[in-house]
Amino acid sequence: MSAVVPAAPAASRPVRSPFREFLRRFRRERQAIAAGVFLLALVLMAVFAPLLAPYAPAQPDYMHILEGPSAAHWAGTDAYGRDIFSRIIWGSRISLSVGFLSVTLGGIIGVVLGLISGFYGGWLDSLIMRVCDVLFAFPGILLAIGVIAILGPGIYNVIYAVAVFSVPVFARLVRGSTLALKQAVYVDAARAIGVRDRLIMLRHLLPGTMPSVIVYFSMRVGTAILTAASLSFIGLGAQPPSPEWGAMLADGRSYIGIASQVTLFPGLAIFVTVLAFNMLGDGLRDALDPKLRKL
């Protein structure tokens, strides 16, 4: 009589942590990885601008006015003989700082308001959402112009202006996630054992809203850079001789017919940077929530 050999247990699949699962999915997003590498290089270029820029950003050279790209000036010179390539490098500091600081400020305020609105509901939810509706009624650039008109032109006021029209979007985004998450069993359990509302929002609800916040943050930085450049272009943002990219476009628009490099290279810097942030945001969205690919 032959002995019965027990079947070998099926090999269980290793359980990946959420972070490892995110990395596995994100590695498939080649365009997003390329955009992330470019943005990392751009950040490093901004940090080490004094070492990388061949000339000072405001250094005039009246012997080489409106010259095209050459070995001495890779992107040419402007109407004052200033090296455009050096000004773009220094301008990356301003544009990235405005983008990150304004979206961070608006995101923090929006996340707090969204958590409070979604968690408590009632009249507080209605009040916060009606204020957001009022802000949504204005196009972003017009709202920013209105804030600048009150505060006055300047790069710091641009940060506040861009932050203002970022708040309602983050608030709506977090409120929607909070409304879904607060119905979860673990939230009811936390309430049942007497956990304070503040701890429930910070420990249980906030982490669940972060994937959508991170995705929108990455995309919003590009929009903030574009808005800041637009405000500088019309004279409400960075003021001359600041090497901010929008201000460089404004300075060179009078010479676009005879020296196109004055506007070409700053415009390319804005275009490529905003495109990279949008591509990175798309990749993060697909990696954090693969279900969105089917939409």
C-alpha atoms as a PDB file:
ATOM      1  CA  MET A   1       0.000   0.000   0.000  1.00  0.00           C
ATOM      2  CA  SER A   2       1.559   3.272  -1.107  1.00  0.00           C
ATOM      3  CA  ALA A   3       1.896   6.070   1.375  1.00  0.00           C
ATOM      4  CA  VAL A   4      -0.062   9.218   0.746  1.00  0.00           C
ATOM      5  CA  VAL A   5       2.271  12.157   0.263  1.00  0.00           C
ATOM      6  CA  PRO A   6       0.738  15.393   1.504  1.00  0.00           C
ATOM      7  CA  ALA A   7       0.614  18.201  -1.036  1.00  0.00           C
ATOM      8  CA  ALA A   8       3.146  20.950  -0.589  1.00  0.00           C
ATOM      9  CA  PRO A   9       1.590  24.168   0.623  1.00  0.00           C
ATOM     10  CA  ALA A  10       1.223  26.810  -2.044  1.00  0.00           C
ATOM     11  CA  ALA A  11       3.877  29.460  -1.877  1.00  0.00           C
ATOM     12  CA  SER A  12       2.411  32.559  -0.394  1.00  0.00           C
ATOM     13  CA  ARG A  13       3.059  35.821  -2.148  1.00  0.00           C
ATOM     14  CA  PRO A  14       5.270  38.196  -0.204  1.00  0.00           C
ATOM     15  CA  VAL A  15       3.358  41.081   1.280  1.00  0.00           C
ATOM     16  CA  ARG A  16       4.724  44.401   0.071  1.00  0.00           C
ATOM     17  CA  SER A  17       4.555  47.546   2.122  1.00  0.00           C
ATOM     18  CA  PRO A  18       2.537  50.408   0.582  1.00  0.00           C
ATOM     19  CA  PHE A  19       5.750  52.307  -0.117  1.00  0.00           C
ATOM     20  CA  ARG A  20       7.342  49.358  -1.944  1.00  0.00           C
ATOM     21  CA  GLU A  21       4.168  48.847  -3.934  1.00  0.00           C
ATOM     22  CA  PHE A  22       4.247  52.514  -4.900  1.00  0.00           C
ATOM     23  CA  LEU A  23       7.874  52.226  -6.008  1.00  0.00           C
ATOM     24  CA  ARG A  24       7.083  49.119  -8.059  1.00  0.00           C
ATOM     25  CA  ARG A  25       4.328  50.938  -9.904  1.00  0.00           C
ATOM     26  CA  PHE A  26       6.241  54.194 -10.263  1.00  0.00           C
ATOM     27  CA  ARG A  27       9.196  52.422 -11.905  1.00  0.00           C
ATOM     28  CA  ARG A  28       6.908  51.678 -14.844  1.00  0.00           C
ATOM     29  CA  GLU A  29       6.261  55.387 -15.412  1.00  0.00           C
ATOM     30  CA  ARG A  30       9.309  56.198 -17.521  1.00  0.00           C
ATOM     31  CA  GLN A  31       8.132  59.643 -18.538  1.00  0.00           C
ATOM     32  CA  ALA A  32       7.499  60.579 -14.916  1.00  0.00           C
ATOM     33  CA  ILE A  33      10.937  59.279 -13.898  1.00  0.00           C
ATOM     34  CA  ALA A  34      12.564  61.338 -16.665  1.00  0.00           C
ATOM     35  CA  ALA A  35      10.615  64.394 -15.506  1.00  0.00           C
ATOM     36  CA  GLY A  36      11.655  63.756 -11.902  1.00  0.00           C
ATOM     37  CA  VAL A  37      15.325  63.485 -12.904  1.00  0.00           C
ATOM     38  CA  PHE A  38      15.057  66.755 -14.832  1.00  0.00           C
ATOM     39  CA  LEU A  39      13.405  68.523 -11.885  1.00  0.00           C
ATOM     40  CA  LEU A  40      16.027  67.184  -9.497  1.00  0.00           C
ATOM     41  CA  ALA A  41      18.741  68.551 -11.794  1.00  0.00           C
ATOM     42  CA  LEU A  42      16.868  71.872 -11.938  1.00  0.00           C
ATOM     43  CA  VAL A  43      16.714  72.069  -8.139  1.00  0.00           C
ATOM     44  CA  LEU A  44      20.425  71.311  -7.881  1.00  0.00           C
ATOM     45  CA  MET A  45      21.122  73.962 -10.515  1.00  0.00           C
ATOM     46  CA  ALA A  46      19.166  76.495  -8.464  1.00  0.00           C
ATOM     47  CA  VAL A  47      20.975  75.553  -5.253  1.00  0.00           C
ATOM     48  CA  PHE A  48      24.427  75.772  -6.814  1.00  0.00           C
ATOM     49  CA  ALA A  49      23.676  78.756  -9.068  1.00  0.00           C
ATOM     50  CA  PRO A  50      26.696  80.767  -7.810  1.00  0.00           C
ATOM     51  CA  LEU A  51      28.995  77.935  -8.871  1.00  0.00           C
ATOM     52  CA  LEU A  52      27.329  77.070 -12.187  1.00  0.00           C
ATOM     53  CA  ALA A  53      26.516  80.491 -13.634  1.00  0.00           C
ATOM     54  CA  PRO A  54      29.449  81.796 -15.713  1.00  0.00           C
ATOM     55  CA  TYR A  55      28.466  85.442 -15.124  1.00  0.00           C
ATOM     56  CA  ALA A  56      26.685  87.481 -12.483  1.00  0.00           C
ATOM     57  CA  PRO A  57      22.982  87.823 -13.333  1.00  0.00           C
ATOM     58  CA  ALA A  58      23.018  91.642 -13.324  1.00  0.00           C
ATOM     59  CA  GLN A  59      26.481  92.123 -14.816  1.00  0.00           C
ATOM     60  CA  PRO A  60      26.156  94.348 -17.939  1.00  0.00           C
ATOM     61  CA  ASP A  61      28.504  94.193 -20.908  1.00  0.00           C
ATOM     62  CA  TYR A  62      27.762  97.031 -23.297  1.00  0.00           C
ATOM     63  CA  MET A  63      30.292  95.711 -25.799  1.00  0.00           C
ATOM     64  CA  HIS A  64      28.138  92.615 -26.437  1.00  0.00           C
ATOM     65  CA  ILE A  65      24.536  93.813 -26.618  1.00  0.00           C
ATOM     66  CA  LEU A  66      21.840  91.537 -28.090  1.00  0.00           C
ATOM     67  CA  GLU A  67      24.364  88.995 -29.350  1.00  0.00           C
ATOM     68  CA  GLY A  68      23.195  85.548 -30.367  1.00  0.00           C
ATOM     69  CA  PRO A  69      24.355  82.276 -28.785  1.00  0.00           C
ATOM     70  CA  SER A  70      28.125  81.802 -28.869  1.00  0.00           C
ATOM     71  CA  ALA A  71      30.916  80.016 -27.043  1.00  0.00           C
ATOM     72  CA  ALA A  72      31.200  82.931 -24.603  1.00  0.00           C
ATOM     73  CA  HIS A  73      27.442  83.307 -24.110  1.00  0.00           C
ATOM     74  CA  TRP A  74      25.620  80.004 -24.634  1.00  0.00           C
ATOM     75  CA  ALA A  75      22.161  81.598 -24.797  1.00  0.00           C
ATOM     76  CA  GLY A  76      23.223  85.014 -26.058  1.00  0.00           C
ATOM     77  CA  THR A  77      22.918  88.369 -24.316  1.00  0.00           C
ATOM     78  CA  ASP A  78      20.096  90.820 -23.674  1.00  0.00           C
ATOM     79  CA  ALA A  79      19.742  94.567 -24.281  1.00  0.00           C
ATOM     80  CA  TYR A  80      22.251  95.336 -21.513  1.00  0.00           C
ATOM     81  CA  GLY A  81      24.754  92.693 -22.516  1.00  0.00           C
ATOM     82  CA  ARG A  82      23.829  90.435 -19.599  1.00  0.00           C
ATOM     83  CA  ASP A  83      24.360  86.723 -20.123  1.00  0.00           C
ATOM     84  CA  ILE A  84      20.939  85.083 -20.633  1.00  0.00           C
ATOM     85  CA  PHE A  85      22.126  81.610 -19.629  1.00  0.00           C
ATOM     86  CA  SER A  86      23.389  82.899 -16.276  1.00  0.00           C
ATOM     87  CA  ARG A  87      20.151  84.788 -15.693  1.00  0.00           C
ATOM     88  CA  ILE A  88      18.109  81.650 -16.403  1.00  0.00           C
ATOM     89  CA  ILE A  89      20.174  79.714 -13.869  1.00  0.00           C
ATOM     90  CA  TRP A  90      19.705  82.385 -11.211  1.00  0.00           C
ATOM     91  CA  GLY A  91      16.062  82.787 -12.190  1.00  0.00           C
ATOM     92  CA  SER A  92      15.416  79.122 -11.445  1.00  0.00           C
ATOM     93  CA  ARG A  93      15.941  79.986  -7.777  1.00  0.00           C
ATOM     94  CA  ILE A  94      13.158  82.556  -7.875  1.00  0.00           C
ATOM     95  CA  SER A  95      10.699  80.544  -9.962  1.00  0.00           C
ATOM     96  CA  LEU A  96      11.115  77.316  -7.987  1.00  0.00           C
ATOM     97  CA  SER A  97      10.967  79.171  -4.667  1.00  0.00           C
ATOM     98  CA  VAL A  98       7.751  80.932  -5.646  1.00  0.00           C
ATOM     99  CA  GLY A  99       6.235  77.684  -6.910  1.00  0.00           C
ATOM    100  CA  PHE A 100       7.077  75.555  -3.886  1.00  0.00           C
ATOM    101  CA  LEU A 101       6.448  78.185  -1.199  1.00  0.00           C
ATOM    102  CA  SER A 102       3.118  79.379  -2.580  1.00  0.00           C
ATOM    103  CA  VAL A 103       1.713  75.878  -3.121  1.00  0.00           C
ATOM    104  CA  THR A 104       3.013  74.719   0.272  1.00  0.00           C
ATOM    105  CA  LEU A 105       1.364  77.670   2.016  1.00  0.00           C
ATOM    106  CA  GLY A 106      -1.891  77.241   0.132  1.00  0.00           C
ATOM    107  CA  GLY A 107      -1.778  73.462   0.607  1.00  0.00           C
ATOM    108  CA  ILE A 108      -1.326  73.653   4.379  1.00  0.00           C
ATOM    109  CA  ILE A 109      -4.250  76.055   4.778  1.00  0.00           C
ATOM    110  CA  GLY A 110      -6.408  74.107   2.345  1.00  0.00           C
ATOM    111  CA  VAL A 111      -5.692  70.741   3.974  1.00  0.00           C
ATOM    112  CA  VAL A 112      -6.573  72.080   7.435  1.00  0.00           C
ATOM    113  CA  LEU A 113      -9.807  73.646   6.186  1.00  0.00           C
ATOM    114  CA  GLY A 114     -10.716  70.515   4.227  1.00  0.00           C
ATOM    115  CA  LEU A 115     -10.191  68.258   7.241  1.00  0.00           C
ATOM    116  CA  ILE A 116     -12.266  70.488   9.509  1.00  0.00           C
ATOM    117  CA  SER A 117     -15.014  70.881   6.916  1.00  0.00           C
ATOM    118  CA  GLY A 118     -15.300  67.185   6.092  1.00  0.00           C
ATOM    119  CA  PHE A 119     -14.988  65.931   9.665  1.00  0.00           C
ATOM    120  CA  TYR A 120     -17.408  68.253  11.471  1.00  0.00           C
ATOM    121  CA  GLY A 121     -19.856  69.049   8.673  1.00  0.00           C
ATOM    122  CA  GLY A 122     -22.899  71.166   9.499  1.00  0.00           C
ATOM    123  CA  TRP A 123     -22.763  74.946   9.421  1.00  0.00           C
ATOM    124  CA  LEU A 124     -18.954  74.961   9.560  1.00  0.00           C
ATOM    125  CA  ASP A 125     -18.778  72.833   6.408  1.00  0.00           C
ATOM    126  CA  SER A 126     -21.262  75.113   4.661  1.00  0.00           C
ATOM    127  CA  LEU A 127     -19.351  78.251   5.644  1.00  0.00           C
ATOM    128  CA  ILE A 128     -15.961  76.950   4.464  1.00  0.00           C
ATOM    129  CA  MET A 129     -17.356  75.591   1.197  1.00  0.00           C
ATOM    130  CA  ARG A 130     -19.231  78.808   0.398  1.00  0.00           C
ATOM    131  CA  VAL A 131     -16.006  80.785   0.850  1.00  0.00           C
ATOM    132  CA  CYS A 132     -14.303  78.317  -1.489  1.00  0.00           C
ATOM    133  CA  ASP A 133     -17.129  78.766  -3.994  1.00  0.00           C
ATOM    134  CA  VAL A 134     -16.575  82.517  -3.966  1.00  0.00           C
ATOM    135  CA  LEU A 135     -12.856  82.006  -4.657  1.00  0.00           C
ATOM    136  CA  PHE A 136     -13.669  79.485  -7.389  1.00  0.00           C
ATOM    137  CA  ALA A 137     -15.847  82.086  -9.111  1.00  0.00           C
ATOM    138  CA  PHE A 138     -12.723  84.007 -10.155  1.00  0.00           C
ATOM    139  CA  PRO A 139     -10.172  82.666 -12.642  1.00  0.00           C
ATOM    140  CA  GLY A 140      -6.883  82.010 -10.871  1.00  0.00           C
ATOM    141  CA  ILE A 141      -4.891  84.715 -12.625  1.00  0.00           C
ATOM    142  CA  LEU A 142      -7.610  87.350 -12.007  1.00  0.00           C
ATOM    143  CA  LEU A 143      -7.786  86.421  -8.339  1.00  0.00           C
ATOM    144  CA  ALA A 144      -3.997  86.714  -8.116  1.00  0.00           C
ATOM    145  CA  ILE A 145      -4.109  90.121  -9.818  1.00  0.00           C
ATOM    146  CA  GLY A 146      -6.731  91.251  -7.301  1.00  0.00           C
ATOM    147  CA  VAL A 147      -4.550  90.170  -4.382  1.00  0.00           C
ATOM    148  CA  ILE A 148      -1.522  91.919  -5.905  1.00  0.00           C
ATOM    149  CA  ALA A 149      -3.611  95.073  -6.399  1.00  0.00           C
ATOM    150  CA  ILE A 150      -4.309  95.081  -2.658  1.00  0.00           C
ATOM    151  CA  LEU A 151      -0.846  94.102  -1.415  1.00  0.00           C
ATOM    152  CA  GLY A 152       1.244  95.772  -4.108  1.00  0.00           C
ATOM    153  CA  PRO A 153       3.726  94.311  -6.624  1.00  0.00           C
ATOM    154  CA  GLY A 154       6.674  92.236  -5.469  1.00  0.00           C
ATOM    155  CA  ILE A 155       7.849  88.666  -5.395  1.00  0.00           C
ATOM    156  CA  TYR A 156       6.688  87.989  -1.831  1.00  0.00           C
ATOM    157  CA  ASN A 157       3.203  89.273  -2.596  1.00  0.00           C
ATOM    158  CA  VAL A 158       3.158  86.969  -5.623  1.00  0.00           C
ATOM    159  CA  ILE A 159       3.673  84.042  -3.234  1.00  0.00           C
ATOM    160  CA  TYR A 160       0.680  85.152  -1.158  1.00  0.00           C
ATOM    161  CA  ALA A 161      -1.441  85.729  -4.264  1.00  0.00           C
ATOM    162  CA  VAL A 162      -0.727  82.295  -5.742  1.00  0.00           C
ATOM    163  CA  ALA A 163      -1.301  80.678  -2.330  1.00  0.00           C
ATOM    164  CA  VAL A 164      -4.763  82.275  -2.073  1.00  0.00           C
ATOM    165  CA  PHE A 165      -6.126  80.645  -5.225  1.00  0.00           C
ATOM    166  CA  SER A 166      -4.517  77.315  -4.274  1.00  0.00           C
ATOM    167  CA  VAL A 167      -6.403  77.075  -0.966  1.00  0.00           C
ATOM    168  CA  PRO A 168      -9.926  76.234  -2.240  1.00  0.00           C
ATOM    169  CA  VAL A 169      -8.753  73.403  -4.496  1.00  0.00           C
ATOM    170  CA  PHE A 170      -6.862  71.676  -1.687  1.00  0.00           C
ATOM    171  CA  ALA A 171      -9.793  72.244   0.663  1.00  0.00           C
ATOM    172  CA  ARG A 172     -12.267  70.635  -1.732  1.00  0.00           C
ATOM    173  CA  LEU A 173      -9.903  67.749  -2.454  1.00  0.00           C
ATOM    174  CA  VAL A 174      -9.273  66.932   1.210  1.00  0.00           C
ATOM    175  CA  ARG A 175     -12.927  67.434   2.183  1.00  0.00           C
ATOM    176  CA  GLY A 176     -14.041  64.812  -0.340  1.00  0.00           C
ATOM    177  CA  SER A 177     -11.517  62.276   0.926  1.00  0.00           C
ATOM    178  CA  THR A 178     -12.400  63.049   4.554  1.00  0.00           C
ATOM    179  CA  LEU A 179     -16.113  62.504   3.965  1.00  0.00           C
ATOM    180  CA  ALA A 180     -15.358  58.996   2.682  1.00  0.00           C
ATOM    181  CA  LEU A 181     -12.732  58.092   5.271  1.00  0.00           C
ATOM    182  CA  LYS A 182     -14.651  59.206   8.349  1.00  0.00           C
ATOM    183  CA  GLN A 183     -17.231  56.459   7.701  1.00  0.00           C
ATOM    184  CA  ALA A 184     -14.563  53.769   8.129  1.00  0.00           C
ATOM    185  CA  VAL A 185     -14.793  51.277  11.002  1.00  0.00           C
ATOM    186  CA  TYR A 186     -11.447  52.257  12.509  1.00  0.00           C
ATOM    187  CA  VAL A 187     -12.617  55.857  12.826  1.00  0.00           C
ATOM    188  CA  ASP A 188     -15.779  54.719  14.643  1.00  0.00           C
ATOM    189  CA  ALA A 189     -13.612  52.553  16.888  1.00  0.00           C
ATOM    190  CA  ALA A 190     -11.350  55.490  17.701  1.00  0.00           C
ATOM    191  CA  ARG A 191     -14.359  57.592  18.614  1.00  0.00           C
ATOM    192  CA  ALA A 192     -15.782  54.793  20.761  1.00  0.00           C
ATOM    193  CA  ILE A 193     -12.654  54.597  22.921  1.00  0.00           C
ATOM    194  CA  GLY A 194     -12.599  58.336  23.434  1.00  0.00           C
ATOM    195  CA  VAL A 195      -9.830  59.489  21.062  1.00  0.00           C
ATOM    196  CA  ARG A 196      -9.970  63.245  20.638  1.00  0.00           C
ATOM    197  CA  ASP A 197     -11.114  64.698  17.335  1.00  0.00           C
ATOM    198  CA  ARG A 198      -7.755  66.342  16.667  1.00  0.00           C
ATOM    199  CA  LEU A 199      -5.921  63.028  16.958  1.00  0.00           C
ATOM    200  CA  ILE A 200      -8.463  61.265  14.761  1.00  0.00           C
ATOM    201  CA  MET A 201      -7.967  63.854  12.032  1.00  0.00           C
ATOM    202  CA  LEU A 202      -4.175  63.787  12.263  1.00  0.00           C
ATOM    203  CA  ARG A 203      -3.578  60.048  12.724  1.00  0.00           C
ATOM    204  CA  HIS A 204      -6.445  58.419  10.855  1.00  0.00           C
ATOM    205  CA  LEU A 205      -7.855  60.840   8.281  1.00  0.00           C
ATOM    206  CA  LEU A 206      -4.883  62.934   7.177  1.00  0.00           C
ATOM    207  CA  PRO A 207      -2.725  59.960   6.006  1.00  0.00           C
ATOM    208  CA  GLY A 208      -5.598  58.731   3.838  1.00  0.00           C
ATOM    209  CA  THR A 209      -5.854  62.087   2.052  1.00  0.00           C
ATOM    210  CA  MET A 210      -2.131  62.427   1.350  1.00  0.00           C
ATOM    211  CA  PRO A 211      -1.934  60.476  -1.977  1.00  0.00           C
ATOM    212  CA  SER A 212      -4.333  62.865  -3.709  1.00  0.00           C
ATOM    213  CA  VAL A 213      -2.678  65.861  -2.032  1.00  0.00           C
ATOM    214  CA  ILE A 214       0.785  64.792  -3.217  1.00  0.00           C
ATOM    215  CA  VAL A 215      -0.422  64.328  -6.786  1.00  0.00           C
ATOM    216  CA  TYR A 216      -2.155  67.673  -6.903  1.00  0.00           C
ATOM    217  CA  PHE A 217       0.767  69.403  -5.177  1.00  0.00           C
ATOM    218  CA  SER A 218       3.185  68.288  -7.900  1.00  0.00           C
ATOM    219  CA  MET A 219       0.885  69.557 -10.636  1.00  0.00           C
ATOM    220  CA  ARG A 220       0.065  72.779  -8.818  1.00  0.00           C
ATOM    221  CA  VAL A 221       3.721  73.810  -8.547  1.00  0.00           C
ATOM    222  CA  GLY A 222       3.900  74.013 -12.336  1.00  0.00           C
ATOM    223  CA  THR A 223       0.731  76.127 -12.422  1.00  0.00           C
ATOM    224  CA  ALA A 224       2.163  78.389  -9.709  1.00  0.00           C
ATOM    225  CA  ILE A 225       5.381  78.931 -11.679  1.00  0.00           C
ATOM    226  CA  LEU A 226       3.356  79.795 -14.784  1.00  0.00           C
ATOM    227  CA  THR A 227       1.125  82.194 -12.843  1.00  0.00           C
ATOM    228  CA  ALA A 228       4.101  83.888 -11.186  1.00  0.00           C
ATOM    229  CA  ALA A 229       5.751  84.318 -14.590  1.00  0.00           C
ATOM    230  CA  SER A 230       2.514  85.818 -15.961  1.00  0.00           C
ATOM    231  CA  LEU A 231       2.315  88.308 -13.100  1.00  0.00           C
ATOM    232  CA  SER A 232       5.944  89.298 -13.591  1.00  0.00           C
ATOM    233  CA  PHE A 233       5.348  89.659 -17.329  1.00  0.00           C
ATOM    234  CA  ILE A 234       2.635  92.271 -16.770  1.00  0.00           C
ATOM    235  CA  GLY A 235       4.725  94.083 -14.155  1.00  0.00           C
ATOM    236  CA  LEU A 236       3.006  92.877 -10.976  1.00  0.00           C
ATOM    237  CA  GLY A 237       5.565  90.297  -9.881  1.00  0.00           C
ATOM    238  CA  ALA A 238       9.342  90.372  -9.764  1.00  0.00           C
ATOM    239  CA  GLN A 239      10.730  93.764 -10.686  1.00  0.00           C
ATOM    240  CA  PRO A 240      13.788  94.546 -12.867  1.00  0.00           C
ATOM    241  CA  PRO A 241      16.629  93.707 -12.766  1.00  0.00           C
ATOM    242  CA  SER A 242      15.451  90.463 -11.170  1.00  0.00           C
ATOM    243  CA  PRO A 243      16.276  87.428 -13.369  1.00  0.00           C
ATOM    244  CA  GLU A 244      12.840  85.866 -12.845  1.00  0.00           C
ATOM    245  CA  TRP A 245      11.780  84.096 -16.043  1.00  0.00           C
ATOM    246  CA  GLY A 246       8.565  86.066 -16.557  1.00  0.00           C
ATOM    247  CA  ALA A 247      10.381  89.358 -15.991  1.00  0.00           C
ATOM    248  CA  MET A 248      12.997  88.276 -18.537  1.00  0.00           C
ATOM    249  CA  LEU A 249      10.230  87.713 -21.082  1.00  0.00           C
ATOM    250  CA  ALA A 250       8.847  91.176 -20.363  1.00  0.00           C
ATOM    251  CA  ASP A 251      12.288  92.770 -20.789  1.00  0.00           C
ATOM    252  CA  GLY A 252      12.890  91.049 -24.116  1.00  0.00           C
ATOM    253  CA  ARG A 253       9.521  91.475 -25.831  1.00  0.00           C
ATOM    254  CA  SER A 254      10.633  94.739 -27.449  1.00  0.00           C
ATOM    255  CA  TYR A 255      13.545  92.969 -29.143  1.00  0.00           C
ATOM    256  CA  ILE A 256      11.831  89.772 -30.241  1.00  0.00           C
ATOM    257  CA  GLY A 257      12.115  90.728 -33.913  1.00  0.00           C
ATOM    258  CA  ILE A 258      15.864  91.390 -33.885  1.00  0.00           C
ATOM    259  CA  ALA A 259      17.092  89.152 -31.033  1.00  0.00           C
ATOM    260  CA  SER A 260      14.724  86.253 -30.498  1.00  0.00           C
ATOM    261  CA  GLN A 261      17.029  84.596 -27.962  1.00  0.00           C
ATOM    262  CA  VAL A 262      16.029  87.202 -25.378  1.00  0.00           C
ATOM    263  CA  THR A 263      12.553  85.651 -25.135  1.00  0.00           C
ATOM    264  CA  LEU A 264      13.170  82.179 -26.591  1.00  0.00           C
ATOM    265  CA  PHE A 265      15.297  80.725 -23.806  1.00  0.00           C
ATOM    266  CA  PRO A 266      13.308  82.068 -20.816  1.00  0.00           C
ATOM    267  CA  GLY A 267      10.122  80.865 -22.536  1.00  0.00           C
ATOM    268  CA  LEU A 268      11.637  77.419 -23.057  1.00  0.00           C
ATOM    269  CA  ALA A 269      12.663  77.304 -19.396  1.00  0.00           C
ATOM    270  CA  ILE A 270       9.085  77.997 -18.292  1.00  0.00           C
ATOM    271  CA  PHE A 271       7.611  75.534 -20.806  1.00  0.00           C
ATOM    272  CA  VAL A 272       9.919  72.629 -19.989  1.00  0.00           C
ATOM    273  CA  THR A 273       9.657  73.132 -16.218  1.00  0.00           C
ATOM    274  CA  VAL A 274       5.848  73.275 -16.180  1.00  0.00           C
ATOM    275  CA  LEU A 275       5.674  70.273 -18.522  1.00  0.00           C
ATOM    276  CA  ALA A 276       7.993  68.294 -16.240  1.00  0.00           C
ATOM    277  CA  PHE A 277       5.854  68.997 -13.167  1.00  0.00           C
ATOM    278  CA  ASN A 278       2.715  67.910 -15.031  1.00  0.00           C
ATOM    279  CA  MET A 279       4.357  64.702 -16.269  1.00  0.00           C
ATOM    280  CA  LEU A 280       5.595  63.931 -12.760  1.00  0.00           C
ATOM    281  CA  GLY A 281       2.101  64.516 -11.381  1.00  0.00           C
ATOM    282  CA  ASP A 282       0.585  62.163 -13.964  1.00  0.00           C
ATOM    283  CA  GLY A 283       3.061  59.442 -13.035  1.00  0.00           C
ATOM    284  CA  LEU A 284       2.452  59.890  -9.320  1.00  0.00           C
ATOM    285  CA  ARG A 285      -1.296  59.702  -9.894  1.00  0.00           C
ATOM    286  CA  ASP A 286      -1.026  56.418 -11.808  1.00  0.00           C
ATOM    287  CA  ALA A 287       1.338  54.935  -9.223  1.00  0.00           C
ATOM    288  CA  LEU A 288      -0.667  55.994  -6.172  1.00  0.00           C
ATOM    289  CA  ASP A 289      -4.076  55.076  -7.599  1.00  0.00           C
ATOM    290  CA  PRO A 290      -3.898  52.687 -10.601  1.00  0.00           C
ATOM    291  CA  LYS A 291      -7.712  52.702 -10.893  1.00  0.00           C
ATOM    292  CA  LEU A 292      -7.513  56.222 -12.307  1.00  0.00           C
ATOM    293  CA  ARG A 293      -5.884  54.851 -15.483  1.00  0.00           C
ATOM    294  CA  LYS A 294      -9.237  53.450 -16.548  1.00  0.00           C
ATOM    295  CA  LEU A 295     -10.991  56.816 -16.272  1.00  0.00           C
END
